Amino acid sequence: VQLQASGGGSVQPGGSLKLSCAASTRTFSTYVVGWFRQAPGKEREFVASVSGIWSGAVTYYADSVKGRFTISRDKAKNTVYLQMNSLEPEDTAVYYCAATEGSGRLSRPNEYDYWGQGTLVTVSS
């Protein structure tokens, strides 16, 4: 499975961005998909995830982004999105999407089998 992350860019604090994670497999809707981010000098951290459609497409969020970010999936486009609103400088990082055929709230990087290349988000005034 190949993942292509896109949508990063530079925004001012309070702004919005929408990231996309497109997959090469038509069964992408059955995968758990997560978004992670890694800031310079820091470890990769969990941002959000969505379970497969057979598990109800349940969403999970890190406390730091809850209420500001929304993860969603488009079955027809084999794509998962991360809508990011009210962005803060602390959200600056390279964002990665990841996927696995597992289930549940998967928040650790080693729980995912497939990774996209990352897209840079910079929040600065």
PDB file of N, CA and C in Angstrom:
ATOM      1  N   VAL A   1       0.847  -1.184   0.000  1.00  0.00           N
ATOM      2  CA  VAL A   1       0.000   0.000   0.000  1.00  0.00           C
ATOM      3  C   VAL A   1       0.888   1.241   0.000  1.00  0.00           C
ATOM      4  N   GLN A   2       0.645   2.120  -0.941  1.00  0.00           N
ATOM      5  CA  GLN A   2       1.393   3.377  -1.006  1.00  0.00           C
ATOM      6  C   GLN A   2       0.479   4.529  -0.591  1.00  0.00           C
ATOM      7  N   LEU A   3       1.017   5.405   0.249  1.00  0.00           N
ATOM      8  CA  LEU A   3       0.256   6.555   0.747  1.00  0.00           C
ATOM      9  C   LEU A   3       0.920   7.836   0.268  1.00  0.00           C
ATOM     10  N   GLN A   4       0.102   8.775  -0.154  1.00  0.00           N
ATOM     11  CA  GLN A   4       0.595  10.061  -0.626  1.00  0.00           C
ATOM     12  C   GLN A   4      -0.068  11.162   0.208  1.00  0.00           C
ATOM     13  N   ALA A   5       0.756  11.806   1.044  1.00  0.00           N
ATOM     14  CA  ALA A   5       0.246  12.905   1.864  1.00  0.00           C
ATOM     15  C   ALA A   5       0.481  14.227   1.153  1.00  0.00           C
ATOM     16  N   SER A   6      -0.488  15.122   1.260  1.00  0.00           N
ATOM     17  CA  SER A   6      -0.360  16.428   0.624  1.00  0.00           C
ATOM     18  C   SER A   6      -1.194  17.456   1.386  1.00  0.00           C
ATOM     19  N   GLY A   7      -1.007  18.722   1.030  1.00  0.00           N
ATOM     20  CA  GLY A   7      -1.833  19.773   1.607  1.00  0.00           C
ATOM     21  C   GLY A   7      -1.135  20.671   2.604  1.00  0.00           C
ATOM     22  N   GLY A   8       0.103  20.375   2.930  1.00  0.00           N
ATOM     23  CA  GLY A   8       0.826  21.208   3.869  1.00  0.00           C
ATOM     24  C   GLY A   8       1.124  22.578   3.293  1.00  0.00           C
ATOM     25  N   GLY A   9       1.578  23.463   4.157  1.00  0.00           N
ATOM     26  CA  GLY A   9       1.914  24.804   3.721  1.00  0.00           C
ATOM     27  C   GLY A   9       2.180  25.708   4.911  1.00  0.00           C
ATOM     28  N   SER A  10       2.232  26.990   4.638  1.00  0.00           N
ATOM     29  CA  SER A  10       2.484  27.985   5.684  1.00  0.00           C
ATOM     30  C   SER A  10       1.237  28.813   5.924  1.00  0.00           C
ATOM     31  N   VAL A  11       0.857  28.939   7.181  1.00  0.00           N
ATOM     32  CA  VAL A  11      -0.308  29.743   7.537  1.00  0.00           C
ATOM     33  C   VAL A  11      -0.007  30.555   8.783  1.00  0.00           C
ATOM     34  N   GLN A  12      -0.806  31.576   8.994  1.00  0.00           N
ATOM     35  CA  GLN A  12      -0.686  32.376  10.201  1.00  0.00           C
ATOM     36  C   GLN A  12      -1.462  31.719  11.338  1.00  0.00           C
ATOM     37  N   PRO A  13      -1.108  32.017  12.557  1.00  0.00           N
ATOM     38  CA  PRO A  13      -1.883  31.488  13.697  1.00  0.00           C
ATOM     39  C   PRO A  13      -3.363  31.815  13.548  1.00  0.00           C
ATOM     40  N   GLY A  14      -4.172  30.832  13.853  1.00  0.00           N
ATOM     41  CA  GLY A  14      -5.616  30.973  13.683  1.00  0.00           C
ATOM     42  C   GLY A  14      -6.115  30.508  12.329  1.00  0.00           C
ATOM     43  N   GLY A  15      -5.200  30.220  11.423  1.00  0.00           N
ATOM     44  CA  GLY A  15      -5.579  29.801  10.085  1.00  0.00           C
ATOM     45  C   GLY A  15      -5.936  28.332  10.008  1.00  0.00           C
ATOM     46  N   SER A  16      -6.238  27.878   8.786  1.00  0.00           N
ATOM     47  CA  SER A  16      -6.670  26.500   8.561  1.00  0.00           C
ATOM     48  C   SER A  16      -5.915  25.883   7.393  1.00  0.00           C
ATOM     49  N   LEU A  17      -5.791  24.579   7.452  1.00  0.00           N
ATOM     50  CA  LEU A  17      -5.248  23.781   6.355  1.00  0.00           C
ATOM     51  C   LEU A  17      -5.978  22.456   6.336  1.00  0.00           C
ATOM     52  N   LYS A  18      -6.025  21.852   5.150  1.00  0.00           N
ATOM     53  CA  LYS A  18      -6.620  20.525   5.035  1.00  0.00           C
ATOM     54  C   LYS A  18      -5.609  19.602   4.385  1.00  0.00           C
ATOM     55  N   LEU A  19      -5.204  18.596   5.113  1.00  0.00           N
ATOM     56  CA  LEU A  19      -4.271  17.608   4.601  1.00  0.00           C
ATOM     57  C   LEU A  19      -5.032  16.445   3.988  1.00  0.00           C
ATOM     58  N   SER A  20      -4.429  15.838   2.975  1.00  0.00           N
ATOM     59  CA  SER A  20      -5.015  14.669   2.325  1.00  0.00           C
ATOM     60  C   SER A  20      -4.030  13.520   2.350  1.00  0.00           C
ATOM     61  N   CYS A  21      -4.564  12.334   2.460  1.00  0.00           N
ATOM     62  CA  CYS A  21      -3.764  11.108   2.419  1.00  0.00           C
ATOM     63  C   CYS A  21      -4.452  10.170   1.428  1.00  0.00           C
ATOM     64  N   ALA A  22      -3.881  10.061   0.254  1.00  0.00           N
ATOM     65  CA  ALA A  22      -4.460   9.225  -0.795  1.00  0.00           C
ATOM     66  C   ALA A  22      -3.738   7.894  -0.837  1.00  0.00           C
ATOM     67  N   ALA A  23      -4.505   6.826  -1.006  1.00  0.00           N
ATOM     68  CA  ALA A  23      -3.931   5.481  -0.979  1.00  0.00           C
ATOM     69  C   ALA A  23      -4.045   4.800  -2.332  1.00  0.00           C
ATOM     70  N   SER A  24      -3.134   3.845  -2.538  1.00  0.00           N
ATOM     71  CA  SER A  24      -3.107   3.126  -3.803  1.00  0.00           C
ATOM     72  C   SER A  24      -4.051   1.938  -3.827  1.00  0.00           C
ATOM     73  N   THR A  25      -4.607   1.578  -2.678  1.00  0.00           N
ATOM     74  CA  THR A  25      -5.468   0.412  -2.606  1.00  0.00           C
ATOM     75  C   THR A  25      -6.944   0.789  -2.555  1.00  0.00           C
ATOM     76  N   ARG A  26      -7.779   0.000  -3.255  1.00  0.00           N
ATOM     77  CA  ARG A  26      -9.216   0.274  -3.271  1.00  0.00           C
ATOM     78  C   ARG A  26      -9.906  -0.152  -1.991  1.00  0.00           C
ATOM     79  N   THR A  27      -9.175  -0.883  -1.150  1.00  0.00           N
ATOM     80  CA  THR A  27      -9.758  -1.322   0.117  1.00  0.00           C
ATOM     81  C   THR A  27      -9.344  -0.400   1.260  1.00  0.00           C
ATOM     82  N   PHE A  28      -8.893   0.807   0.919  1.00  0.00           N
ATOM     83  CA  PHE A  28      -8.371   1.737   1.920  1.00  0.00           C
ATOM     84  C   PHE A  28      -9.393   2.033   3.004  1.00  0.00           C
ATOM     85  N   SER A  29     -10.673   1.977   2.639  1.00  0.00           N
ATOM     86  CA  SER A  29     -11.709   2.320   3.603  1.00  0.00           C
ATOM     87  C   SER A  29     -11.788   1.325   4.757  1.00  0.00           C
ATOM     88  N   THR A  30     -11.168   0.167   4.607  1.00  0.00           N
ATOM     89  CA  THR A  30     -11.188  -0.839   5.672  1.00  0.00           C
ATOM     90  C   THR A  30      -9.984  -0.725   6.601  1.00  0.00           C
ATOM     91  N   TYR A  31      -9.053   0.134   6.263  1.00  0.00           N
ATOM     92  CA  TYR A  31      -7.841   0.298   7.061  1.00  0.00           C
ATOM     93  C   TYR A  31      -8.041   1.305   8.186  1.00  0.00           C
ATOM     94  N   VAL A  32      -7.336   1.113   9.265  1.00  0.00           N
ATOM     95  CA  VAL A  32      -7.188   2.182  10.248  1.00  0.00           C
ATOM     96  C   VAL A  32      -6.167   3.163   9.669  1.00  0.00           C
ATOM     97  N   VAL A  33      -6.492   4.440   9.704  1.00  0.00           N
ATOM     98  CA  VAL A  33      -5.591   5.467   9.184  1.00  0.00           C
ATOM     99  C   VAL A  33      -5.320   6.492  10.284  1.00  0.00           C
ATOM    100  N   GLY A  34      -4.073   6.794  10.440  1.00  0.00           N
ATOM    101  CA  GLY A  34      -3.690   7.761  11.463  1.00  0.00           C
ATOM    102  C   GLY A  34      -2.862   8.888  10.881  1.00  0.00           C
ATOM    103  N   TRP A  35      -2.927  10.005  11.560  1.00  0.00           N
ATOM    104  CA  TRP A  35      -2.046  11.136  11.261  1.00  0.00           C
ATOM    105  C   TRP A  35      -1.111  11.322  12.465  1.00  0.00           C
ATOM    106  N   PHE A  36       0.155  11.483  12.142  1.00  0.00           N
ATOM    107  CA  PHE A  36       1.174  11.755  13.143  1.00  0.00           C
ATOM    108  C   PHE A  36       1.914  13.017  12.733  1.00  0.00           C
ATOM    109  N   ARG A  37       2.632  13.595  13.650  1.00  0.00           N
ATOM    110  CA  ARG A  37       3.452  14.750  13.308  1.00  0.00           C
ATOM    111  C   ARG A  37       4.772  14.689  14.070  1.00  0.00           C
ATOM    112  N   GLN A  38       5.757  15.316  13.477  1.00  0.00           N
ATOM    113  CA  GLN A  38       7.073  15.337  14.101  1.00  0.00           C
ATOM    114  C   GLN A  38       7.678  16.721  13.925  1.00  0.00           C
ATOM    115  N   ALA A  39       7.886  17.384  15.050  1.00  0.00           N
ATOM    116  CA  ALA A  39       8.522  18.694  15.050  1.00  0.00           C
ATOM    117  C   ALA A  39      10.030  18.503  15.182  1.00  0.00           C
ATOM    118  N   PRO A  40      10.811  19.476  14.758  1.00  0.00           N
ATOM    119  CA  PRO A  40      12.279  19.351  14.857  1.00  0.00           C
ATOM    120  C   PRO A  40      12.723  19.063  16.284  1.00  0.00           C
ATOM    121  N   GLY A  41      13.547  18.025  16.427  1.00  0.00           N
ATOM    122  CA  GLY A  41      14.078  17.675  17.730  1.00  0.00           C
ATOM    123  C   GLY A  41      13.134  16.937  18.641  1.00  0.00           C
ATOM    124  N   LYS A  42      11.951  16.602  18.129  1.00  0.00           N
ATOM    125  CA  LYS A  42      10.962  15.906  18.952  1.00  0.00           C
ATOM    126  C   LYS A  42      10.606  14.562  18.347  1.00  0.00           C
ATOM    127  N   GLU A  43      10.000  13.724  19.158  1.00  0.00           N
ATOM    128  CA  GLU A  43       9.569  12.421  18.685  1.00  0.00           C
ATOM    129  C   GLU A  43       8.276  12.556  17.881  1.00  0.00           C
ATOM    130  N   ARG A  44       8.041  11.584  17.048  1.00  0.00           N
ATOM    131  CA  ARG A  44       6.794  11.555  16.287  1.00  0.00           C
ATOM    132  C   ARG A  44       5.640  11.316  17.249  1.00  0.00           C
ATOM    133  N   GLU A  45       4.588  12.126  17.112  1.00  0.00           N
ATOM    134  CA  GLU A  45       3.472  12.015  18.028  1.00  0.00           C
ATOM    135  C   GLU A  45       2.150  11.827  17.287  1.00  0.00           C
ATOM    136  N   PHE A  46       1.257  11.156  17.961  1.00  0.00           N
ATOM    137  CA  PHE A  46      -0.076  10.875  17.429  1.00  0.00           C
ATOM    138  C   PHE A  46      -0.892  12.147  17.371  1.00  0.00           C
ATOM    139  N   VAL A  47      -1.648  12.292  16.279  1.00  0.00           N
ATOM    140  CA  VAL A  47      -2.537  13.440  16.130  1.00  0.00           C
ATOM    141  C   VAL A  47      -4.000  12.981  16.107  1.00  0.00           C
ATOM    142  N   ALA A  48      -4.294  12.061  15.214  1.00  0.00           N
ATOM    143  CA  ALA A  48      -5.679  11.598  15.074  1.00  0.00           C
ATOM    144  C   ALA A  48      -5.695  10.287  14.300  1.00  0.00           C
ATOM    145  N   SER A  49      -6.782   9.534  14.456  1.00  0.00           N
ATOM    146  CA  SER A  49      -6.943   8.312  13.681  1.00  0.00           C
ATOM    147  C   SER A  49      -8.419   8.061  13.443  1.00  0.00           C
ATOM    148  N   VAL A  50      -8.671   7.247  12.426  1.00  0.00           N
ATOM    149  CA  VAL A  50     -10.035   6.834  12.120  1.00  0.00           C
ATOM    150  C   VAL A  50     -10.006   5.343  11.813  1.00  0.00           C
ATOM    151  N   SER A  51     -10.947   4.624  12.378  1.00  0.00           N
ATOM    152  CA  SER A  51     -10.985   3.182  12.148  1.00  0.00           C
ATOM    153  C   SER A  51     -11.630   2.894  10.800  1.00  0.00           C
ATOM    154  N   GLY A  52     -11.570   1.619  10.397  1.00  0.00           N
ATOM    155  CA  GLY A  52     -12.169   1.241   9.130  1.00  0.00           C
ATOM    156  C   GLY A  52     -13.681   1.347   9.140  1.00  0.00           C
ATOM    157  N   ILE A  53     -14.259   1.362   7.954  1.00  0.00           N
ATOM    158  CA  ILE A  53     -15.707   1.563   7.887  1.00  0.00           C
ATOM    159  C   ILE A  53     -16.458   0.407   8.523  1.00  0.00           C
ATOM    160  N   TRP A  54     -15.886  -0.799   8.497  1.00  0.00           N
ATOM    161  CA  TRP A  54     -16.564  -1.926   9.112  1.00  0.00           C
ATOM    162  C   TRP A  54     -16.558  -1.817  10.636  1.00  0.00           C
ATOM    163  N   SER A  55     -15.690  -0.963  11.158  1.00  0.00           N
ATOM    164  CA  SER A  55     -15.660  -0.699  12.597  1.00  0.00           C
ATOM    165  C   SER A  55     -16.375   0.590  12.951  1.00  0.00           C
ATOM    166  N   GLY A  56     -17.050   1.161  11.964  1.00  0.00           N
ATOM    167  CA  GLY A  56     -17.835   2.364  12.227  1.00  0.00           C
ATOM    168  C   GLY A  56     -17.115   3.673  11.995  1.00  0.00           C
ATOM    169  N   ALA A  57     -15.904   3.606  11.439  1.00  0.00           N
ATOM    170  CA  ALA A  57     -15.122   4.834  11.157  1.00  0.00           C
ATOM    171  C   ALA A  57     -15.050   5.724  12.401  1.00  0.00           C
ATOM    172  N   VAL A  58     -14.724   5.117  13.516  1.00  0.00           N
ATOM    173  CA  VAL A  58     -14.620   5.851  14.779  1.00  0.00           C
ATOM    174  C   VAL A  58     -13.357   6.703  14.761  1.00  0.00           C
ATOM    175  N   THR A  59     -13.475   7.916  15.252  1.00  0.00           N
ATOM    176  CA  THR A  59     -12.342   8.832  15.253  1.00  0.00           C
ATOM    177  C   THR A  59     -11.757   9.020  16.650  1.00  0.00           C
ATOM    178  N   TYR A  60     -10.464   9.240  16.700  1.00  0.00           N
ATOM    179  CA  TYR A  60      -9.754   9.485  17.951  1.00  0.00           C
ATOM    180  C   TYR A  60      -8.811  10.666  17.739  1.00  0.00           C
ATOM    181  N   TYR A  61      -8.606  11.441  18.778  1.00  0.00           N
ATOM    182  CA  TYR A  61      -7.767  12.626  18.687  1.00  0.00           C
ATOM    183  C   TYR A  61      -6.847  12.750  19.897  1.00  0.00           C
ATOM    184  N   ALA A  62      -5.678  13.310  19.648  1.00  0.00           N
ATOM    185  CA  ALA A  62      -4.821  13.707  20.752  1.00  0.00           C
ATOM    186  C   ALA A  62      -5.480  14.883  21.469  1.00  0.00           C
ATOM    187  N   ASP A  63      -5.269  14.979  22.748  1.00  0.00           N
ATOM    188  CA  ASP A  63      -5.883  16.067  23.526  1.00  0.00           C
ATOM    189  C   ASP A  63      -5.484  17.440  22.988  1.00  0.00           C
ATOM    190  N   SER A  64      -4.278  17.542  22.464  1.00  0.00           N
ATOM    191  CA  SER A  64      -3.760  18.838  22.005  1.00  0.00           C
ATOM    192  C   SER A  64      -4.482  19.370  20.769  1.00  0.00           C
ATOM    193  N   VAL A  65      -5.185  18.499  20.047  1.00  0.00           N
ATOM    194  CA  VAL A  65      -5.851  18.941  18.812  1.00  0.00           C
ATOM    195  C   VAL A  65      -7.365  18.768  18.872  1.00  0.00           C
ATOM    196  N   LYS A  66      -7.848  18.170  19.941  1.00  0.00           N
ATOM    197  CA  LYS A  66      -9.278  17.910  20.057  1.00  0.00           C
ATOM    198  C   LYS A  66     -10.054  19.225  19.989  1.00  0.00           C
ATOM    199  N   GLY A  67     -11.081  19.233  19.155  1.00  0.00           N
ATOM    200  CA  GLY A  67     -11.882  20.443  18.986  1.00  0.00           C
ATOM    201  C   GLY A  67     -11.376  21.364  17.899  1.00  0.00           C
ATOM    202  N   ARG A  68     -10.157  21.139  17.429  1.00  0.00           N
ATOM    203  CA  ARG A  68      -9.593  21.980  16.365  1.00  0.00           C
ATOM    204  C   ARG A  68      -9.383  21.199  15.070  1.00  0.00           C
ATOM    205  N   PHE A  69      -9.034  19.925  15.184  1.00  0.00           N
ATOM    206  CA  PHE A  69      -8.763  19.081  14.016  1.00  0.00           C
ATOM    207  C   PHE A  69      -9.899  18.082  13.832  1.00  0.00           C
ATOM    208  N   THR A  70     -10.146  17.742  12.568  1.00  0.00           N
ATOM    209  CA  THR A  70     -11.146  16.736  12.245  1.00  0.00           C
ATOM    210  C   THR A  70     -10.592  15.783  11.204  1.00  0.00           C
ATOM    211  N   ILE A  71     -10.636  14.496  11.511  1.00  0.00           N
ATOM    212  CA  ILE A  71     -10.208  13.478  10.555  1.00  0.00           C
ATOM    213  C   ILE A  71     -11.454  12.879   9.920  1.00  0.00           C
ATOM    214  N   SER A  72     -11.375  12.631   8.629  1.00  0.00           N
ATOM    215  CA  SER A  72     -12.514  12.059   7.918  1.00  0.00           C
ATOM    216  C   SER A  72     -12.002  11.242   6.744  1.00  0.00           C
ATOM    217  N   ARG A  73     -12.895  10.433   6.190  1.00  0.00           N
ATOM    218  CA  ARG A  73     -12.469   9.622   5.053  1.00  0.00           C
ATOM    219  C   ARG A  73     -13.520   9.650   3.956  1.00  0.00           C
ATOM    220  N   ASP A  74     -13.014   9.566   2.731  1.00  0.00           N
ATOM    221  CA  ASP A  74     -13.870   9.509   1.545  1.00  0.00           C
ATOM    222  C   ASP A  74     -13.624   8.161   0.884  1.00  0.00           C
ATOM    223  N   LYS A  75     -14.574   7.276   1.049  1.00  0.00           N
ATOM    224  CA  LYS A  75     -14.402   5.898   0.545  1.00  0.00           C
ATOM    225  C   LYS A  75     -14.202   5.884  -0.964  1.00  0.00           C
ATOM    226  N   ALA A  76     -14.966   6.672  -1.673  1.00  0.00           N
ATOM    227  CA  ALA A  76     -14.917   6.668  -3.140  1.00  0.00           C
ATOM    228  C   ALA A  76     -13.571   7.143  -3.674  1.00  0.00           C
ATOM    229  N   LYS A  77     -12.909   8.020  -2.926  1.00  0.00           N
ATOM    230  CA  LYS A  77     -11.636   8.580  -3.380  1.00  0.00           C
ATOM    231  C   LYS A  77     -10.431   7.907  -2.732  1.00  0.00           C
ATOM    232  N   ASN A  78     -10.688   6.888  -1.893  1.00  0.00           N
ATOM    233  CA  ASN A  78      -9.577   6.205  -1.210  1.00  0.00           C
ATOM    234  C   ASN A  78      -8.676   7.219  -0.506  1.00  0.00           C
ATOM    235  N   THR A  79      -9.289   8.161   0.159  1.00  0.00           N
ATOM    236  CA  THR A  79      -8.551   9.267   0.755  1.00  0.00           C
ATOM    237  C   THR A  79      -9.040   9.548   2.171  1.00  0.00           C
ATOM    238  N   VAL A  80      -8.110   9.894   3.019  1.00  0.00           N
ATOM    239  CA  VAL A  80      -8.421  10.357   4.374  1.00  0.00           C
ATOM    240  C   VAL A  80      -7.923  11.789   4.497  1.00  0.00           C
ATOM    241  N   TYR A  81      -8.725  12.617   5.166  1.00  0.00           N
ATOM    242  CA  TYR A  81      -8.401  14.025   5.312  1.00  0.00           C
ATOM    243  C   TYR A  81      -8.143  14.383   6.770  1.00  0.00           C
ATOM    244  N   LEU A  82      -7.382  15.445   6.959  1.00  0.00           N
ATOM    245  CA  LEU A  82      -7.222  16.026   8.280  1.00  0.00           C
ATOM    246  C   LEU A  82      -7.461  17.522   8.132  1.00  0.00           C
ATOM    247  N   GLN A  83      -8.633  17.955   8.569  1.00  0.00           N
ATOM    248  CA  GLN A  83      -8.964  19.377   8.554  1.00  0.00           C
ATOM    249  C   GLN A  83      -8.419  20.001   9.831  1.00  0.00           C
ATOM    250  N   MET A  84      -7.581  20.994   9.672  1.00  0.00           N
ATOM    251  CA  MET A  84      -6.932  21.621  10.818  1.00  0.00           C
ATOM    252  C   MET A  84      -7.356  23.083  10.897  1.00  0.00           C
ATOM    253  N   ASN A  85      -8.041  23.427  11.965  1.00  0.00           N
ATOM    254  CA  ASN A  85      -8.500  24.792  12.184  1.00  0.00           C
ATOM    255  C   ASN A  85      -7.826  25.385  13.414  1.00  0.00           C
ATOM    256  N   SER A  86      -7.920  26.694  13.546  1.00  0.00           N
ATOM    257  CA  SER A  86      -7.349  27.395  14.704  1.00  0.00           C
ATOM    258  C   SER A  86      -5.907  26.969  14.954  1.00  0.00           C
ATOM    259  N   LEU A  87      -5.145  26.951  13.890  1.00  0.00           N
ATOM    260  CA  LEU A  87      -3.763  26.474  13.994  1.00  0.00           C
ATOM    261  C   LEU A  87      -2.919  27.369  14.885  1.00  0.00           C
ATOM    262  N   GLU A  88      -2.023  26.738  15.600  1.00  0.00           N
ATOM    263  CA  GLU A  88      -1.140  27.417  16.548  1.00  0.00           C
ATOM    264  C   GLU A  88       0.312  27.161  16.147  1.00  0.00           C
ATOM    265  N   PRO A  89       1.219  28.029  16.544  1.00  0.00           N
ATOM    266  CA  PRO A  89       2.642  27.779  16.222  1.00  0.00           C
ATOM    267  C   PRO A  89       3.115  26.405  16.694  1.00  0.00           C
ATOM    268  N   GLU A  90       2.533  25.914  17.775  1.00  0.00           N
ATOM    269  CA  GLU A  90       2.923  24.593  18.296  1.00  0.00           C
ATOM    270  C   GLU A  90       2.509  23.450  17.373  1.00  0.00           C
ATOM    271  N   ASP A  91       1.671  23.743  16.383  1.00  0.00           N
ATOM    272  CA  ASP A  91       1.264  22.726  15.425  1.00  0.00           C
ATOM    273  C   ASP A  91       2.273  22.576  14.288  1.00  0.00           C
ATOM    274  N   THR A  92       3.279  23.413  14.264  1.00  0.00           N
ATOM    275  CA  THR A  92       4.296  23.333  13.220  1.00  0.00           C
ATOM    276  C   THR A  92       5.039  22.007  13.304  1.00  0.00           C
ATOM    277  N   ALA A  93       5.054  21.279  12.197  1.00  0.00           N
ATOM    278  CA  ALA A  93       5.676  19.961  12.166  1.00  0.00           C
ATOM    279  C   ALA A  93       5.541  19.383  10.760  1.00  0.00           C
ATOM    280  N   VAL A  94       6.241  18.288  10.543  1.00  0.00           N
ATOM    281  CA  VAL A  94       5.979  17.468   9.356  1.00  0.00           C
ATOM    282  C   VAL A  94       4.874  16.484   9.738  1.00  0.00           C
ATOM    283  N   TYR A  95       3.841  16.451   8.947  1.00  0.00           N
ATOM    284  CA  TYR A  95       2.694  15.585   9.212  1.00  0.00           C
ATOM    285  C   TYR A  95       2.761  14.355   8.308  1.00  0.00           C
ATOM    286  N   TYR A  96       2.563  13.196   8.918  1.00  0.00           N
ATOM    287  CA  TYR A  96       2.595  11.930   8.208  1.00  0.00           C
ATOM    288  C   TYR A  96       1.263  11.212   8.357  1.00  0.00           C
ATOM    289  N   CYS A  97       0.833  10.568   7.279  1.00  0.00           N
ATOM    290  CA  CYS A  97      -0.295   9.668   7.412  1.00  0.00           C
ATOM    291  C   CYS A  97       0.234   8.234   7.396  1.00  0.00           C
ATOM    292  N   ALA A  98      -0.487   7.381   8.063  1.00  0.00           N
ATOM    293  CA  ALA A  98      -0.095   5.989   8.189  1.00  0.00           C
ATOM    294  C   ALA A  98      -1.342   5.122   8.168  1.00  0.00           C
ATOM    295  N   ALA A  99      -1.162   3.861   7.816  1.00  0.00           N
ATOM    296  CA  ALA A  99      -2.309   2.971   7.719  1.00  0.00           C
ATOM    297  C   ALA A  99      -1.925   1.567   8.128  1.00  0.00           C
ATOM    298  N   THR A 100      -2.922   0.830   8.563  1.00  0.00           N
ATOM    299  CA  THR A 100      -2.744  -0.565   8.927  1.00  0.00           C
ATOM    300  C   THR A 100      -4.075  -1.277   8.829  1.00  0.00           C
ATOM    301  N   GLU A 101      -4.020  -2.584   8.716  1.00  0.00           N
ATOM    302  CA  GLU A 101      -5.249  -3.384   8.652  1.00  0.00           C
ATOM    303  C   GLU A 101      -5.750  -3.762  10.037  1.00  0.00           C
ATOM    304  N   GLY A 102      -5.211  -3.146  11.083  1.00  0.00           N
ATOM    305  CA  GLY A 102      -5.642  -3.433  12.434  1.00  0.00           C
ATOM    306  C   GLY A 102      -6.994  -2.822  12.747  1.00  0.00           C
ATOM    307  N   SER A 103      -7.258  -2.648  14.052  1.00  0.00           N
ATOM    308  CA  SER A 103      -8.515  -2.057  14.493  1.00  0.00           C
ATOM    309  C   SER A 103      -8.295  -1.344  15.820  1.00  0.00           C
ATOM    310  N   GLY A 104      -9.270  -0.508  16.202  1.00  0.00           N
ATOM    311  CA  GLY A 104      -9.201   0.174  17.478  1.00  0.00           C
ATOM    312  C   GLY A 104      -8.447   1.487  17.412  1.00  0.00           C
ATOM    313  N   ARG A 105      -8.200   2.023  18.612  1.00  0.00           N
ATOM    314  CA  ARG A 105      -7.485   3.285  18.728  1.00  0.00           C
ATOM    315  C   ARG A 105      -5.992   2.986  18.697  1.00  0.00           C
ATOM    316  N   LEU A 106      -5.389   3.167  17.549  1.00  0.00           N
ATOM    317  CA  LEU A 106      -3.976   2.888  17.360  1.00  0.00           C
ATOM    318  C   LEU A 106      -3.241   4.207  17.360  1.00  0.00           C
ATOM    319  N   SER A 107      -2.477   4.468  18.410  1.00  0.00           N
ATOM    320  CA  SER A 107      -1.850   5.768  18.581  1.00  0.00           C
ATOM    321  C   SER A 107      -0.329   5.717  18.624  1.00  0.00           C
ATOM    322  N   ARG A 108       0.243   4.545  18.443  1.00  0.00           N
ATOM    323  CA  ARG A 108       1.700   4.432  18.447  1.00  0.00           C
ATOM    324  C   ARG A 108       2.204   4.179  17.041  1.00  0.00           C
ATOM    325  N   PRO A 109       3.295   4.828  16.655  1.00  0.00           N
ATOM    326  CA  PRO A 109       3.802   4.658  15.285  1.00  0.00           C
ATOM    327  C   PRO A 109       4.063   3.197  14.929  1.00  0.00           C
ATOM    328  N   ASN A 110       4.533   2.393  15.873  1.00  0.00           N
ATOM    329  CA  ASN A 110       4.881   1.009  15.534  1.00  0.00           C
ATOM    330  C   ASN A 110       3.655   0.118  15.336  1.00  0.00           C
ATOM    331  N   GLU A 111       2.473   0.685  15.500  1.00  0.00           N
ATOM    332  CA  GLU A 111       1.243  -0.075  15.237  1.00  0.00           C
ATOM    333  C   GLU A 111       0.809   0.028  13.777  1.00  0.00           C
ATOM    334  N   TYR A 112       1.497   0.866  13.014  1.00  0.00           N
ATOM    335  CA  TYR A 112       1.138   1.107  11.622  1.00  0.00           C
ATOM    336  C   TYR A 112       2.166   0.486  10.683  1.00  0.00           C
ATOM    337  N   ASP A 113       1.675  -0.044   9.574  1.00  0.00           N
ATOM    338  CA  ASP A 113       2.533  -0.755   8.625  1.00  0.00           C
ATOM    339  C   ASP A 113       2.946   0.085   7.420  1.00  0.00           C
ATOM    340  N   TYR A 114       2.125   1.045   7.052  1.00  0.00           N
ATOM    341  CA  TYR A 114       2.368   1.814   5.840  1.00  0.00           C
ATOM    342  C   TYR A 114       2.402   3.310   6.179  1.00  0.00           C
ATOM    343  N   TRP A 115       3.354   3.997   5.546  1.00  0.00           N
ATOM    344  CA  TRP A 115       3.544   5.418   5.836  1.00  0.00           C
ATOM    345  C   TRP A 115       3.660   6.236   4.561  1.00  0.00           C
ATOM    346  N   GLY A 116       3.096   7.435   4.622  1.00  0.00           N
ATOM    347  CA  GLY A 116       3.297   8.389   3.552  1.00  0.00           C
ATOM    348  C   GLY A 116       4.598   9.146   3.766  1.00  0.00           C
ATOM    349  N   GLN A 117       4.932  10.032   2.857  1.00  0.00           N
ATOM    350  CA  GLN A 117       6.225  10.704   2.854  1.00  0.00           C
ATOM    351  C   GLN A 117       6.277  11.935   3.745  1.00  0.00           C
ATOM    352  N   GLY A 118       5.147  12.417   4.234  1.00  0.00           N
ATOM    353  CA  GLY A 118       5.162  13.591   5.094  1.00  0.00           C
ATOM    354  C   GLY A 118       4.920  14.871   4.326  1.00  0.00           C
ATOM    355  N   THR A 119       4.237  15.798   4.980  1.00  0.00           N
ATOM    356  CA  THR A 119       3.983  17.111   4.390  1.00  0.00           C
ATOM    357  C   THR A 119       4.179  18.158   5.497  1.00  0.00           C
ATOM    358  N   LEU A 120       4.880  19.230   5.169  1.00  0.00           N
ATOM    359  CA  LEU A 120       5.283  20.211   6.166  1.00  0.00           C
ATOM    360  C   LEU A 120       4.183  21.243   6.406  1.00  0.00           C
ATOM    361  N   VAL A 121       3.873  21.449   7.675  1.00  0.00           N
ATOM    362  CA  VAL A 121       2.933  22.490   8.092  1.00  0.00           C
ATOM    363  C   VAL A 121       3.691  23.483   8.958  1.00  0.00           C
ATOM    364  N   THR A 122       3.652  24.744   8.556  1.00  0.00           N
ATOM    365  CA  THR A 122       4.333  25.794   9.306  1.00  0.00           C
ATOM    366  C   THR A 122       3.306  26.840   9.722  1.00  0.00           C
ATOM    367  N   VAL A 123       3.227  27.092  11.017  1.00  0.00           N
ATOM    368  CA  VAL A 123       2.292  28.089  11.537  1.00  0.00           C
ATOM    369  C   VAL A 123       3.119  29.205  12.169  1.00  0.00           C
ATOM    370  N   SER A 124       3.089  30.352  11.536  1.00  0.00           N
ATOM    371  CA  SER A 124       3.928  31.449  11.989  1.00  0.00           C
ATOM    372  C   SER A 124       3.352  32.780  11.529  1.00  0.00           C
ATOM    373  N   SER A 125       3.562  33.789  12.350  1.00  0.00           N
ATOM    374  CA  SER A 125       3.110  35.123  11.975  1.00  0.00           C
ATOM    375  C   SER A 125       4.240  35.886  11.291  1.00  0.00           C
TER     376      SER A 125
END
